[in-house]
Amino acid sequence: MKKLALDVGDKTIGVAVSDALNITAQGVTTIERIGIRKDSGKVMDYIKEFDCDTVVIGLPKRLDGTDSPQTEKVYEFKTMLQNKMKSSGMSHIKIEFYDERLTTVMAEKILIEADVSRGKRKKVIDKQAAVIILQGYLDTLK
């Protein structure tokens, strides 16, 4: 089954999905944040649409490995998503964290190398970061 990855930020959530063989990650979309309940509901729609068995959430730790204020927000998002999934009969779907340190920096670098304009980079950087998170996670499964 496929895996879904999330790069959870304050303003947007980048979404990526794996292929059926769990070899490659592809960007899906960037969700504009409205509120934690509605945002987690949208994520659940993608889980159903792509028939995923695992959600991988990028965990934004500081470079020294300690939690940051953003880490706490991601923990809160996971809890909300998990609770909504339980009440919707989706408790069989795993939610895992993946260390996302420097993924946004890597995504920016990839987009710059691809000659994507600054304006377009802002729109797709979180989706690209989700791709990097998911590909890293998929590579650990091999």
N, C-alpha and C. Protein backbone atom coordinates (compact mmCIF):
# COMPACT_ATOMS: atom_id res chain seq x y z
N MET A 1 0.83 -1.19 0.00
CA MET A 1 0.00 0.00 0.00
C MET A 1 0.87 1.26 0.00
N LYS A 2 0.27 2.34 -0.38
CA LYS A 2 1.00 3.60 -0.50
C LYS A 2 1.21 4.26 0.85
N LYS A 3 2.18 5.17 0.86
CA LYS A 3 2.50 5.98 2.04
C LYS A 3 2.24 7.44 1.68
N LEU A 4 1.79 8.21 2.65
CA LEU A 4 1.54 9.63 2.48
C LEU A 4 2.47 10.38 3.41
N ALA A 5 3.08 11.45 2.94
CA ALA A 5 3.98 12.24 3.79
C ALA A 5 3.46 13.67 3.89
N LEU A 6 3.72 14.26 5.06
CA LEU A 6 3.29 15.63 5.34
C LEU A 6 4.45 16.46 5.84
N ASP A 7 4.54 17.67 5.31
CA ASP A 7 5.45 18.68 5.84
C ASP A 7 4.54 19.75 6.44
N VAL A 8 4.34 19.67 7.76
CA VAL A 8 3.38 20.52 8.45
C VAL A 8 4.03 21.83 8.86
N GLY A 9 3.52 22.91 8.31
CA GLY A 9 3.99 24.24 8.67
C GLY A 9 2.86 25.05 9.26
N ASP A 10 3.14 26.30 9.62
CA ASP A 10 2.11 27.16 10.19
C ASP A 10 1.09 27.62 9.16
N LYS A 11 1.53 27.85 7.94
CA LYS A 11 0.65 28.38 6.90
C LYS A 11 0.20 27.33 5.89
N THR A 12 1.03 26.32 5.67
CA THR A 12 0.71 25.30 4.67
C THR A 12 1.15 23.91 5.15
N ILE A 13 0.61 22.89 4.47
CA ILE A 13 1.03 21.51 4.70
C ILE A 13 1.38 20.94 3.32
N GLY A 14 2.63 20.56 3.14
CA GLY A 14 3.04 19.91 1.91
C GLY A 14 2.63 18.45 1.97
N VAL A 15 2.14 17.91 0.85
CA VAL A 15 1.67 16.52 0.80
C VAL A 15 2.37 15.80 -0.35
N ALA A 16 2.86 14.59 -0.05
CA ALA A 16 3.47 13.73 -1.07
C ALA A 16 2.94 12.32 -0.87
N VAL A 17 2.98 11.52 -1.93
CA VAL A 17 2.51 10.14 -1.87
C VAL A 17 3.51 9.24 -2.57
N SER A 18 3.60 8.01 -2.11
CA SER A 18 4.50 7.04 -2.75
C SER A 18 3.79 6.34 -3.90
N ASP A 19 4.57 5.67 -4.73
CA ASP A 19 3.98 4.79 -5.72
C ASP A 19 3.55 3.51 -5.00
N ALA A 20 2.84 2.63 -5.69
CA ALA A 20 2.30 1.42 -5.06
C ALA A 20 3.39 0.48 -4.56
N LEU A 21 4.58 0.54 -5.15
CA LEU A 21 5.68 -0.33 -4.75
C LEU A 21 6.55 0.29 -3.66
N ASN A 22 6.22 1.50 -3.25
CA ASN A 22 6.97 2.23 -2.22
C ASN A 22 8.43 2.44 -2.59
N ILE A 23 8.64 2.82 -3.85
CA ILE A 23 9.99 3.09 -4.35
C ILE A 23 10.23 4.59 -4.48
N THR A 24 9.24 5.31 -5.02
CA THR A 24 9.43 6.73 -5.27
C THR A 24 8.32 7.57 -4.64
N ALA A 25 8.66 8.82 -4.37
CA ALA A 25 7.72 9.78 -3.81
C ALA A 25 7.39 10.85 -4.84
N GLN A 26 6.14 11.23 -4.91
CA GLN A 26 5.70 12.29 -5.81
C GLN A 26 4.92 13.33 -5.02
N GLY A 27 5.12 14.58 -5.37
CA GLY A 27 4.38 15.66 -4.73
C GLY A 27 2.93 15.63 -5.15
N VAL A 28 2.03 15.91 -4.21
CA VAL A 28 0.60 15.90 -4.50
C VAL A 28 0.06 17.32 -4.51
N THR A 29 0.22 18.03 -3.39
CA THR A 29 -0.35 19.36 -3.27
C THR A 29 0.24 20.08 -2.07
N THR A 30 -0.15 21.33 -1.94
CA THR A 30 0.13 22.11 -0.74
C THR A 30 -1.22 22.57 -0.20
N ILE A 31 -1.52 22.17 1.02
CA ILE A 31 -2.78 22.54 1.66
C ILE A 31 -2.59 23.87 2.38
N GLU A 32 -3.44 24.84 2.08
CA GLU A 32 -3.42 26.10 2.81
C GLU A 32 -4.06 25.85 4.17
N ARG A 33 -3.39 26.21 5.25
CA ARG A 33 -3.89 25.95 6.60
C ARG A 33 -5.11 26.83 6.89
N ILE A 34 -6.15 26.21 7.43
CA ILE A 34 -7.37 26.91 7.84
C ILE A 34 -7.52 26.80 9.34
N GLY A 35 -7.44 25.59 9.83
CA GLY A 35 -7.55 25.28 11.25
C GLY A 35 -7.21 23.81 11.40
N ILE A 36 -6.73 23.43 12.56
CA ILE A 36 -6.20 22.08 12.75
C ILE A 36 -7.25 21.00 12.46
N ARG A 37 -8.51 21.23 12.81
CA ARG A 37 -9.56 20.23 12.55
C ARG A 37 -9.81 20.06 11.04
N LYS A 38 -9.98 21.18 10.35
CA LYS A 38 -10.24 21.11 8.90
C LYS A 38 -9.02 20.59 8.16
N ASP A 39 -7.84 21.01 8.59
CA ASP A 39 -6.61 20.57 7.94
C ASP A 39 -6.44 19.06 8.07
N SER A 40 -6.69 18.52 9.26
CA SER A 40 -6.56 17.08 9.46
C SER A 40 -7.63 16.34 8.65
N GLY A 41 -8.79 16.94 8.50
CA GLY A 41 -9.84 16.35 7.66
C GLY A 41 -9.41 16.25 6.20
N LYS A 42 -8.74 17.29 5.71
CA LYS A 42 -8.25 17.26 4.32
C LYS A 42 -7.19 16.18 4.15
N VAL A 43 -6.33 16.03 5.16
CA VAL A 43 -5.31 14.99 5.10
C VAL A 43 -5.98 13.62 5.03
N MET A 44 -7.04 13.43 5.81
CA MET A 44 -7.76 12.16 5.79
C MET A 44 -8.36 11.89 4.40
N ASP A 45 -8.81 12.93 3.73
CA ASP A 45 -9.33 12.77 2.36
C ASP A 45 -8.24 12.22 1.44
N TYR A 46 -7.02 12.73 1.59
CA TYR A 46 -5.91 12.24 0.76
C TYR A 46 -5.53 10.80 1.12
N ILE A 47 -5.59 10.47 2.40
CA ILE A 47 -5.29 9.10 2.82
C ILE A 47 -6.26 8.13 2.13
N LYS A 48 -7.54 8.49 2.12
CA LYS A 48 -8.55 7.65 1.47
C LYS A 48 -8.36 7.63 -0.05
N GLU A 49 -8.16 8.80 -0.64
CA GLU A 49 -8.03 8.90 -2.09
C GLU A 49 -6.90 8.04 -2.62
N PHE A 50 -5.76 8.04 -1.92
CA PHE A 50 -4.59 7.30 -2.40
C PHE A 50 -4.46 5.92 -1.75
N ASP A 51 -5.41 5.55 -0.90
CA ASP A 51 -5.43 4.24 -0.26
C ASP A 51 -4.10 3.96 0.46
N CYS A 52 -3.80 4.81 1.43
CA CYS A 52 -2.52 4.74 2.15
C CYS A 52 -2.66 3.94 3.45
N ASP A 53 -1.60 3.25 3.82
CA ASP A 53 -1.58 2.52 5.09
C ASP A 53 -0.70 3.19 6.13
N THR A 54 0.04 4.21 5.71
CA THR A 54 0.96 4.91 6.62
C THR A 54 0.99 6.40 6.28
N VAL A 55 1.02 7.22 7.33
CA VAL A 55 1.23 8.65 7.17
C VAL A 55 2.57 8.97 7.84
N VAL A 56 3.45 9.59 7.08
CA VAL A 56 4.76 9.97 7.59
C VAL A 56 4.76 11.49 7.76
N ILE A 57 4.98 11.93 8.99
CA ILE A 57 4.97 13.36 9.28
C ILE A 57 6.39 13.81 9.57
N GLY A 58 6.83 14.83 8.85
CA GLY A 58 8.15 15.39 9.10
C GLY A 58 8.21 16.02 10.48
N LEU A 59 9.21 15.65 11.26
CA LEU A 59 9.37 16.18 12.62
C LEU A 59 10.50 17.21 12.63
N PRO A 60 10.14 18.48 12.82
CA PRO A 60 11.14 19.56 12.75
C PRO A 60 11.91 19.75 14.05
N LYS A 61 12.96 19.01 14.21
CA LYS A 61 13.82 19.16 15.39
C LYS A 61 14.86 20.25 15.12
N ARG A 62 15.42 20.78 16.20
CA ARG A 62 16.55 21.70 16.06
C ARG A 62 17.76 20.90 15.59
N LEU A 63 18.77 21.58 15.11
CA LEU A 63 19.97 20.89 14.62
C LEU A 63 20.63 20.05 15.70
N ASP A 64 20.48 20.46 16.98
CA ASP A 64 21.08 19.68 18.07
C ASP A 64 20.17 18.52 18.50
N GLY A 65 19.02 18.34 17.82
CA GLY A 65 18.13 17.22 18.11
C GLY A 65 17.05 17.49 19.13
N THR A 66 17.02 18.69 19.69
CA THR A 66 16.00 19.01 20.69
C THR A 66 14.73 19.51 20.00
N ASP A 67 13.63 19.48 20.75
CA ASP A 67 12.35 19.96 20.23
C ASP A 67 12.36 21.48 20.11
N SER A 68 11.64 21.97 19.11
CA SER A 68 11.47 23.40 18.91
C SER A 68 9.99 23.72 19.12
N PRO A 69 9.61 24.99 19.13
CA PRO A 69 8.18 25.32 19.22
C PRO A 69 7.38 24.68 18.07
N GLN A 70 7.97 24.60 16.89
CA GLN A 70 7.29 23.99 15.75
C GLN A 70 7.10 22.48 15.96
N THR A 71 8.05 21.85 16.65
CA THR A 71 7.94 20.42 16.96
C THR A 71 6.66 20.17 17.76
N GLU A 72 6.40 21.02 18.75
CA GLU A 72 5.21 20.88 19.58
C GLU A 72 3.94 21.00 18.75
N LYS A 73 3.93 21.92 17.79
CA LYS A 73 2.77 22.09 16.90
C LYS A 73 2.54 20.84 16.05
N VAL A 74 3.62 20.21 15.62
CA VAL A 74 3.50 18.99 14.81
C VAL A 74 2.98 17.84 15.67
N TYR A 75 3.43 17.74 16.91
CA TYR A 75 2.89 16.72 17.83
C TYR A 75 1.37 16.93 17.99
N GLU A 76 0.97 18.18 18.15
CA GLU A 76 -0.44 18.51 18.32
C GLU A 76 -1.24 18.12 17.06
N PHE A 77 -0.67 18.39 15.88
CA PHE A 77 -1.34 18.02 14.63
C PHE A 77 -1.51 16.50 14.54
N LYS A 78 -0.46 15.76 14.90
CA LYS A 78 -0.52 14.29 14.86
C LYS A 78 -1.62 13.78 15.78
N THR A 79 -1.71 14.34 16.98
CA THR A 79 -2.74 13.92 17.93
C THR A 79 -4.14 14.17 17.37
N MET A 80 -4.35 15.34 16.77
CA MET A 80 -5.65 15.66 16.17
C MET A 80 -5.97 14.69 15.04
N LEU A 81 -4.99 14.45 14.17
CA LEU A 81 -5.20 13.53 13.04
C LEU A 81 -5.51 12.13 13.55
N GLN A 82 -4.77 11.67 14.54
CA GLN A 82 -4.96 10.34 15.11
C GLN A 82 -6.37 10.20 15.71
N ASN A 83 -6.81 11.20 16.44
CA ASN A 83 -8.13 11.17 17.05
C ASN A 83 -9.24 11.15 16.00
N LYS A 84 -9.09 11.97 14.97
CA LYS A 84 -10.09 12.00 13.90
C LYS A 84 -10.12 10.67 13.15
N MET A 85 -8.94 10.07 12.95
CA MET A 85 -8.87 8.80 12.24
C MET A 85 -9.55 7.70 13.07
N LYS A 86 -9.34 7.70 14.38
CA LYS A 86 -9.97 6.71 15.26
C LYS A 86 -11.49 6.80 15.18
N SER A 87 -12.00 8.03 15.22
CA SER A 87 -13.46 8.21 15.20
C SER A 87 -14.06 7.95 13.82
N SER A 88 -13.21 7.84 12.80
CA SER A 88 -13.68 7.58 11.44
C SER A 88 -13.39 6.16 10.98
N GLY A 89 -12.99 5.30 11.90
CA GLY A 89 -12.70 3.91 11.54
C GLY A 89 -11.41 3.72 10.76
N MET A 90 -10.47 4.66 10.93
CA MET A 90 -9.20 4.58 10.22
C MET A 90 -8.03 4.35 11.17
N SER A 91 -8.30 3.77 12.33
CA SER A 91 -7.25 3.61 13.34
C SER A 91 -6.19 2.60 12.94
N HIS A 92 -6.43 1.81 11.89
CA HIS A 92 -5.45 0.84 11.42
C HIS A 92 -4.30 1.49 10.65
N ILE A 93 -4.45 2.75 10.30
CA ILE A 93 -3.42 3.46 9.54
C ILE A 93 -2.36 3.97 10.50
N LYS A 94 -1.10 3.64 10.20
CA LYS A 94 0.02 4.04 11.06
C LYS A 94 0.37 5.51 10.81
N ILE A 95 0.79 6.17 11.87
CA ILE A 95 1.34 7.51 11.75
C ILE A 95 2.75 7.45 12.33
N GLU A 96 3.72 7.84 11.52
CA GLU A 96 5.11 7.80 11.95
C GLU A 96 5.76 9.15 11.73
N PHE A 97 6.75 9.45 12.55
CA PHE A 97 7.54 10.67 12.37
C PHE A 97 8.81 10.34 11.60
N TYR A 98 9.28 11.34 10.85
CA TYR A 98 10.57 11.21 10.16
C TYR A 98 11.31 12.53 10.37
N ASP A 99 12.56 12.44 10.79
CA ASP A 99 13.38 13.63 11.05
C ASP A 99 13.48 14.46 9.77
N GLU A 100 12.99 15.68 9.84
CA GLU A 100 12.97 16.51 8.64
C GLU A 100 13.99 17.66 8.68
N ARG A 101 14.96 17.55 9.55
CA ARG A 101 15.95 18.64 9.61
C ARG A 101 16.56 18.89 8.24
N LEU A 102 16.55 20.14 7.86
CA LEU A 102 17.15 20.65 6.62
C LEU A 102 16.39 20.26 5.35
N THR A 103 15.20 19.63 5.45
CA THR A 103 14.49 19.27 4.22
C THR A 103 14.03 20.49 3.44
N THR A 104 13.62 21.55 4.13
CA THR A 104 13.20 22.76 3.42
C THR A 104 14.38 23.39 2.72
N VAL A 105 15.54 23.36 3.34
CA VAL A 105 16.76 23.88 2.71
C VAL A 105 17.09 23.06 1.46
N MET A 106 16.97 21.73 1.57
CA MET A 106 17.24 20.86 0.42
C MET A 106 16.21 21.12 -0.69
N ALA A 107 14.94 21.29 -0.31
CA ALA A 107 13.89 21.55 -1.29
C ALA A 107 14.16 22.86 -2.02
N GLU A 108 14.56 23.88 -1.28
CA GLU A 108 14.88 25.18 -1.88
C GLU A 108 16.02 25.03 -2.90
N LYS A 109 17.03 24.29 -2.52
CA LYS A 109 18.19 24.08 -3.39
C LYS A 109 17.78 23.36 -4.69
N ILE A 110 16.95 22.34 -4.56
CA ILE A 110 16.47 21.59 -5.73
C ILE A 110 15.68 22.51 -6.65
N LEU A 111 14.81 23.33 -6.08
CA LEU A 111 13.99 24.23 -6.89
C LEU A 111 14.83 25.31 -7.56
N ILE A 112 15.84 25.81 -6.87
CA ILE A 112 16.73 26.81 -7.47
C ILE A 112 17.50 26.18 -8.63
N GLU A 113 18.01 24.96 -8.41
CA GLU A 113 18.74 24.27 -9.48
C GLU A 113 17.84 23.99 -10.68
N ALA A 114 16.54 23.83 -10.45
CA ALA A 114 15.58 23.59 -11.53
C ALA A 114 15.13 24.91 -12.15
N ASP A 115 15.72 26.02 -11.70
CA ASP A 115 15.45 27.35 -12.23
C ASP A 115 13.99 27.77 -12.03
N VAL A 116 13.41 27.40 -10.88
CA VAL A 116 12.05 27.79 -10.54
C VAL A 116 12.11 29.19 -9.93
N SER A 117 11.24 30.08 -10.41
CA SER A 117 11.26 31.46 -9.93
C SER A 117 10.91 31.53 -8.44
N ARG A 118 11.35 32.61 -7.81
CA ARG A 118 11.14 32.79 -6.37
C ARG A 118 9.65 32.69 -6.02
N GLY A 119 8.79 33.31 -6.80
CA GLY A 119 7.35 33.28 -6.55
C GLY A 119 6.79 31.87 -6.61
N LYS A 120 7.20 31.10 -7.60
CA LYS A 120 6.71 29.73 -7.74
C LYS A 120 7.31 28.82 -6.66
N ARG A 121 8.55 29.10 -6.26
CA ARG A 121 9.18 28.30 -5.19
C ARG A 121 8.36 28.35 -3.91
N LYS A 122 7.87 29.56 -3.57
CA LYS A 122 7.08 29.72 -2.35
C LYS A 122 5.84 28.83 -2.38
N LYS A 123 5.26 28.64 -3.55
CA LYS A 123 4.03 27.86 -3.68
C LYS A 123 4.26 26.36 -3.60
N VAL A 124 5.46 25.90 -3.97
CA VAL A 124 5.69 24.45 -4.05
C VAL A 124 6.76 23.93 -3.08
N ILE A 125 7.37 24.81 -2.30
CA ILE A 125 8.49 24.36 -1.47
C ILE A 125 8.05 23.34 -0.41
N ASP A 126 6.87 23.51 0.17
CA ASP A 126 6.41 22.56 1.20
C ASP A 126 6.07 21.21 0.58
N LYS A 127 5.52 21.23 -0.63
CA LYS A 127 5.24 19.98 -1.34
C LYS A 127 6.56 19.27 -1.65
N GLN A 128 7.57 20.02 -2.08
CA GLN A 128 8.87 19.42 -2.38
C GLN A 128 9.52 18.89 -1.10
N ALA A 129 9.36 19.60 0.01
CA ALA A 129 9.90 19.12 1.29
C ALA A 129 9.21 17.81 1.69
N ALA A 130 7.90 17.68 1.43
CA ALA A 130 7.17 16.44 1.73
C ALA A 130 7.71 15.30 0.88
N VAL A 131 8.08 15.59 -0.38
CA VAL A 131 8.67 14.58 -1.26
C VAL A 131 10.00 14.10 -0.66
N ILE A 132 10.82 15.02 -0.19
CA ILE A 132 12.12 14.66 0.40
C ILE A 132 11.93 13.84 1.67
N ILE A 133 10.96 14.22 2.50
CA ILE A 133 10.66 13.47 3.72
C ILE A 133 10.25 12.04 3.36
N LEU A 134 9.32 11.92 2.41
CA LEU A 134 8.81 10.60 2.04
C LEU A 134 9.89 9.74 1.38
N GLN A 135 10.68 10.34 0.50
CA GLN A 135 11.72 9.56 -0.16
C GLN A 135 12.74 9.06 0.85
N GLY A 136 13.09 9.90 1.82
CA GLY A 136 14.00 9.46 2.88
C GLY A 136 13.41 8.31 3.67
N TYR A 137 12.13 8.41 3.98
CA TYR A 137 11.46 7.34 4.72
C TYR A 137 11.42 6.05 3.88
N LEU A 138 11.06 6.17 2.62
CA LEU A 138 10.99 4.99 1.74
C LEU A 138 12.37 4.32 1.63
N ASP A 139 13.41 5.12 1.56
CA ASP A 139 14.78 4.57 1.45
C ASP A 139 15.16 3.77 2.70
N THR A 140 14.60 4.12 3.86
CA THR A 140 14.90 3.36 5.08
C THR A 140 14.18 2.01 5.10
N LEU A 141 13.13 1.86 4.29
CA LEU A 141 12.38 0.61 4.26
C LEU A 141 13.10 -0.49 3.47
N LYS A 142 14.04 -0.09 2.62
CA LYS A 142 14.73 -1.04 1.75
C LYS A 142 15.75 -1.88 2.50
